Amino acid sequence: MNDEITYHKNTFTIPILYVAIIWVVYWIEIHFNFNFNKFGVFPRTFEGFRGVFLTHFIHSNTNHLFNNSIPLFVLLTSLFYFYKDVAIKILLIGGFFTGFITWVIARESFHIGASGIVYLLFSFVFFSGIIKSHYRLVALSLIIIFLYGSMIWYILPIKEGMSWEGHLSGFMTGLILAFLNRKKGIIKKEHQFVETEFDTLFDEDGNFSPPIIENRVEEEIPKIIYDYKIPKKGNDDVTKN
């Protein structure tokens, strides 16, 4: 646990790689006239379970792909910069459970797209900042809600042809992971007070308690006595008139 936010080599590498992969997959579909939709999540069937692992890389059209690419890159970059200690785990475990919950609760249809990952990251980054109460992470949460706050409505069945089940699965998974990882990575440090001399002037109840000054015994100043001795004069020393 630490309070440091530093750049890591994966901050941009993995987000760029992830976005590049989904574009390459879509290019293969178009170039070779393939249709990968059948590899998406199809709920509650053994064959459809493979979509739990593959659905996040498959998109229906360019508009679908483009709409997911920008928030995916922004949120992945935020994850790997601010939560680098748990980023890989959140992406892998969160991606699995997002697909799995979709497989359990969704309608009987092929569910495809990286939207579930987008909602996973959105939820995790937002709620982690709030739960940890770290000022930088809270600021990030506010930025995320400002940029993508309208996404919240799409966890409800308000648009035909959109997998709201996948959105809801990602959102709930991100919230749970944010709570489970609340004590990992960057956390808010408790301020530790250092006792000063001023603090010693008060007792445990906060009452003023001046220090007791010990009575000092004045040291006796030694007296120095100078004794002058006058030498006696002999006869030879007498001056005669």
Protein backbone atom coordinates (compact mmCIF):
# COMPACT_ATOMS: atom_id res chain seq x y z
CA MET A 1 0.00 0.00 0.00
CA ASN A 2 1.41 3.38 -0.95
CA ASP A 3 0.49 6.90 -1.77
CA GLU A 4 2.57 7.22 -4.90
CA ILE A 5 1.28 7.60 -8.46
CA THR A 6 4.01 6.97 -11.00
CA TYR A 7 4.26 6.18 -14.67
CA HIS A 8 4.52 2.51 -15.61
CA LYS A 9 5.45 0.98 -18.96
CA ASN A 10 2.01 -0.68 -19.19
CA THR A 11 0.20 2.64 -18.82
CA PHE A 12 -0.12 3.08 -22.58
CA THR A 13 1.19 -0.24 -23.92
CA ILE A 14 -1.74 -2.42 -22.88
CA PRO A 15 -4.50 0.10 -23.78
CA ILE A 16 -2.98 0.57 -27.25
CA LEU A 17 -2.54 -3.19 -27.67
CA TYR A 18 -6.13 -3.94 -26.59
CA VAL A 19 -7.64 -1.36 -28.94
CA ALA A 20 -5.37 -2.55 -31.77
CA ILE A 21 -6.51 -6.16 -31.29
CA ILE A 22 -10.23 -5.36 -31.57
CA TRP A 23 -9.56 -3.34 -34.73
CA VAL A 24 -7.49 -6.17 -36.24
CA VAL A 25 -10.23 -8.68 -35.43
CA TYR A 26 -12.79 -6.47 -37.15
CA TRP A 27 -10.45 -5.98 -40.15
CA ILE A 28 -10.11 -9.77 -40.49
CA GLU A 29 -13.89 -10.08 -40.53
CA ILE A 30 -14.25 -7.48 -43.28
CA HIS A 31 -11.24 -8.51 -45.35
CA PHE A 32 -11.94 -12.25 -45.36
CA ASN A 33 -15.72 -11.95 -45.21
CA PHE A 34 -16.01 -13.71 -41.85
CA ASN A 35 -18.76 -13.31 -39.30
CA PHE A 36 -17.54 -13.72 -35.75
CA ASN A 37 -20.88 -12.87 -34.14
CA LYS A 38 -21.50 -16.55 -33.47
CA PHE A 39 -18.47 -16.51 -31.12
CA GLY A 40 -20.18 -14.04 -28.82
CA VAL A 41 -21.98 -14.91 -25.60
CA PHE A 42 -25.10 -16.98 -26.15
CA PRO A 43 -26.75 -17.37 -22.72
CA ARG A 44 -26.98 -20.66 -20.90
CA THR A 45 -25.60 -22.91 -23.62
CA PHE A 46 -22.32 -24.82 -23.57
CA GLU A 47 -21.32 -23.55 -27.00
CA GLY A 48 -22.29 -20.01 -26.10
CA PHE A 49 -20.01 -20.14 -23.04
CA ARG A 50 -16.96 -19.60 -25.26
CA GLY A 51 -18.24 -16.08 -25.76
CA VAL A 52 -17.38 -15.33 -22.13
CA PHE A 53 -13.74 -15.14 -23.29
CA LEU A 54 -14.20 -13.93 -26.88
CA THR A 55 -17.10 -11.49 -26.84
CA HIS A 56 -14.99 -8.48 -25.80
CA PHE A 57 -13.05 -8.57 -29.09
CA ILE A 58 -15.99 -8.84 -31.50
CA HIS A 59 -17.99 -5.92 -32.93
CA SER A 60 -20.90 -5.73 -35.32
CA ASN A 61 -19.90 -2.66 -37.36
CA THR A 62 -17.50 0.27 -37.55
CA ASN A 63 -19.75 2.57 -35.53
CA HIS A 64 -19.99 -0.01 -32.75
CA LEU A 65 -16.20 -0.45 -32.79
CA PHE A 66 -15.43 3.27 -32.82
CA ASN A 67 -17.85 4.04 -29.96
CA ASN A 68 -16.08 1.48 -27.76
CA SER A 69 -12.50 2.29 -28.76
CA ILE A 70 -12.21 5.80 -27.31
CA PRO A 71 -13.69 5.16 -23.83
CA LEU A 72 -11.86 1.82 -23.74
CA PHE A 73 -8.51 3.50 -24.31
CA VAL A 74 -9.19 6.34 -21.83
CA LEU A 75 -10.41 4.03 -19.07
CA LEU A 76 -7.68 1.43 -19.58
CA THR A 77 -5.06 4.17 -19.41
CA SER A 78 -6.63 5.47 -16.18
CA LEU A 79 -6.66 1.95 -14.76
CA PHE A 80 -3.00 1.21 -15.53
CA TYR A 81 -1.78 4.63 -14.39
CA PHE A 82 -3.68 5.04 -11.12
CA TYR A 83 -4.25 1.36 -10.22
CA LYS A 84 -1.19 -0.33 -11.74
CA ASP A 85 -0.82 -2.74 -8.79
CA VAL A 86 -4.16 -4.41 -9.50
CA ALA A 87 -4.78 -3.42 -13.14
CA ILE A 88 -4.04 -6.79 -14.75
CA LYS A 89 -6.15 -8.62 -12.20
CA ILE A 90 -9.08 -6.24 -12.67
CA LEU A 91 -8.93 -6.58 -16.44
CA LEU A 92 -8.69 -10.39 -16.51
CA ILE A 93 -10.94 -11.33 -13.60
CA GLY A 94 -13.37 -8.51 -14.32
CA GLY A 95 -13.53 -9.44 -17.99
CA PHE A 96 -14.32 -13.05 -17.15
CA PHE A 97 -17.08 -12.30 -14.66
CA THR A 98 -18.58 -9.65 -16.92
CA GLY A 99 -18.92 -12.25 -19.65
CA PHE A 100 -20.05 -14.96 -17.24
CA ILE A 101 -22.81 -12.90 -15.64
CA THR A 102 -23.98 -11.91 -19.11
CA TRP A 103 -24.10 -15.61 -20.02
CA VAL A 104 -26.26 -16.26 -16.94
CA ILE A 105 -28.78 -13.37 -17.10
CA ALA A 106 -28.97 -12.24 -20.73
CA ARG A 107 -31.66 -12.79 -23.34
CA GLU A 108 -31.25 -15.60 -25.85
CA SER A 109 -29.22 -13.78 -28.44
CA PHE A 110 -25.57 -13.33 -29.35
CA HIS A 111 -24.02 -10.64 -27.16
CA ILE A 112 -20.85 -9.08 -28.55
CA GLY A 113 -18.64 -6.04 -28.04
CA ALA A 114 -16.20 -4.49 -25.55
CA SER A 115 -18.98 -2.50 -23.92
CA GLY A 116 -18.96 -4.84 -20.94
CA ILE A 117 -15.27 -4.05 -20.36
CA VAL A 118 -15.97 -0.32 -20.74
CA TYR A 119 -18.66 -0.51 -18.05
CA LEU A 120 -16.38 -2.65 -15.88
CA LEU A 121 -13.61 -0.05 -16.03
CA PHE A 122 -15.98 2.88 -15.65
CA SER A 123 -17.50 1.35 -12.52
CA PHE A 124 -14.20 0.25 -10.97
CA VAL A 125 -12.38 3.55 -11.52
CA PHE A 126 -15.32 5.63 -10.31
CA PHE A 127 -16.16 3.66 -7.18
CA SER A 128 -12.52 3.01 -6.22
CA GLY A 129 -11.86 6.74 -6.05
CA ILE A 130 -14.93 7.31 -3.89
CA ILE A 131 -14.24 4.37 -1.58
CA LYS A 132 -10.54 5.15 -1.08
CA SER A 133 -11.23 8.88 -0.53
CA HIS A 134 -7.83 9.73 -2.00
CA TYR A 135 -7.99 13.26 -3.37
CA ARG A 136 -6.40 12.39 -6.72
CA LEU A 137 -8.58 9.35 -7.22
CA VAL A 138 -11.71 11.29 -6.27
CA ALA A 139 -10.73 13.90 -8.86
CA LEU A 140 -10.34 11.13 -11.43
CA SER A 141 -13.78 9.77 -10.48
CA LEU A 142 -15.33 13.16 -11.04
CA ILE A 143 -13.66 13.44 -14.44
CA ILE A 144 -14.89 9.98 -15.40
CA ILE A 145 -18.46 10.71 -14.37
CA PHE A 146 -18.29 14.01 -16.29
CA LEU A 147 -17.06 12.32 -19.47
CA TYR A 148 -19.09 9.11 -19.36
CA GLY A 149 -21.76 9.67 -16.74
CA SER A 150 -24.54 9.33 -19.32
CA MET A 151 -23.50 5.71 -19.82
CA ILE A 152 -25.28 4.80 -16.61
CA TRP A 153 -28.64 4.83 -18.36
CA TYR A 154 -27.64 2.02 -20.68
CA ILE A 155 -27.53 -0.55 -17.90
CA LEU A 156 -31.31 -0.41 -18.30
CA PRO A 157 -33.27 -1.86 -21.26
CA ILE A 158 -33.97 1.50 -22.90
CA LYS A 159 -32.53 0.91 -26.37
CA GLU A 160 -33.45 -1.85 -28.77
CA GLY A 161 -30.61 -4.02 -30.02
CA MET A 162 -28.22 -3.01 -27.20
CA SER A 163 -26.95 -5.56 -24.71
CA TRP A 164 -27.92 -3.80 -21.51
CA GLU A 165 -27.27 -7.12 -19.74
CA GLY A 166 -23.59 -6.91 -20.70
CA HIS A 167 -23.45 -3.30 -19.50
CA LEU A 168 -25.09 -4.20 -16.21
CA SER A 169 -22.78 -7.19 -15.74
CA GLY A 170 -19.69 -5.03 -16.24
CA PHE A 171 -21.01 -2.28 -13.99
CA MET A 172 -21.80 -4.64 -11.10
CA THR A 173 -18.50 -6.49 -11.49
CA GLY A 174 -16.55 -3.22 -11.37
CA LEU A 175 -18.38 -2.13 -8.21
CA ILE A 176 -17.67 -5.43 -6.45
CA LEU A 177 -14.00 -5.41 -7.45
CA ALA A 178 -13.65 -1.80 -6.28
CA PHE A 179 -14.92 -2.82 -2.85
CA LEU A 180 -12.78 -5.98 -2.64
CA ASN A 181 -9.63 -4.06 -3.61
CA ARG A 182 -10.29 -1.02 -1.44
CA LYS A 183 -7.18 -1.69 0.69
CA LYS A 184 -4.84 -2.39 -2.21
CA GLY A 185 -2.83 0.00 -4.33
CA ILE A 186 -3.10 3.69 -3.55
CA ILE A 187 -4.91 4.48 -0.32
CA LYS A 188 -5.44 7.55 1.79
CA LYS A 189 -2.86 7.73 4.55
CA GLU A 190 -4.00 8.60 8.05
CA HIS A 191 -2.31 11.71 9.36
CA GLN A 192 0.07 10.98 12.18
CA PHE A 193 0.51 13.71 14.76
CA VAL A 194 3.92 14.31 16.27
CA GLU A 195 3.95 15.42 19.89
CA THR A 196 5.59 18.79 20.46
CA GLU A 197 6.56 20.70 23.60
CA PHE A 198 3.30 22.62 23.34
CA ASP A 199 1.31 19.36 23.66
CA THR A 200 2.99 18.62 26.98
CA LEU A 201 1.33 21.72 28.50
CA PHE A 202 -2.04 19.91 28.52
CA ASP A 203 -3.16 16.80 30.35
CA GLU A 204 -5.22 13.89 28.90
CA ASP A 205 -8.47 15.84 29.44
CA GLY A 206 -7.20 18.87 27.56
CA ASN A 207 -6.69 20.99 30.68
CA PHE A 208 -3.76 23.36 30.83
CA SER A 209 -1.06 21.90 32.99
CA PRO A 210 2.06 24.07 33.17
CA PRO A 211 5.32 22.28 33.82
CA ILE A 212 6.63 22.19 37.36
CA ILE A 213 9.81 24.17 37.78
CA GLU A 214 12.08 22.58 40.29
CA ASN A 215 13.49 24.81 43.03
CA ARG A 216 17.11 25.28 42.40
CA VAL A 217 19.52 25.69 45.30
CA GLU A 218 21.66 28.65 44.66
CA GLU A 219 25.21 27.67 44.53
CA GLU A 220 27.43 29.41 47.04
CA ILE A 221 29.81 31.70 45.33
CA PRO A 222 33.26 31.08 46.67
CA LYS A 223 34.93 34.05 48.29
CA ILE A 224 38.48 34.77 47.41
CA ILE A 225 40.50 36.52 50.08
CA TYR A 226 43.67 38.20 49.03
CA ASP A 227 46.26 38.42 51.83
CA TYR A 228 49.06 40.90 51.20
CA LYS A 229 52.18 40.45 53.25
CA ILE A 230 54.46 43.47 53.74
CA PRO A 231 58.11 42.45 53.97
CA LYS A 232 60.00 43.64 57.06
CA LYS A 233 62.79 46.13 56.46
CA GLY A 234 66.20 45.58 58.02
CA ASN A 235 68.67 48.23 59.22
CA ASP A 236 70.43 48.27 55.91
CA ASP A 237 67.33 49.34 54.25
CA VAL A 238 66.82 52.47 56.40
CA THR A 239 67.65 55.77 54.78
CA LYS A 240 69.46 58.17 56.92
CA ASN A 241 69.13 61.96 56.81
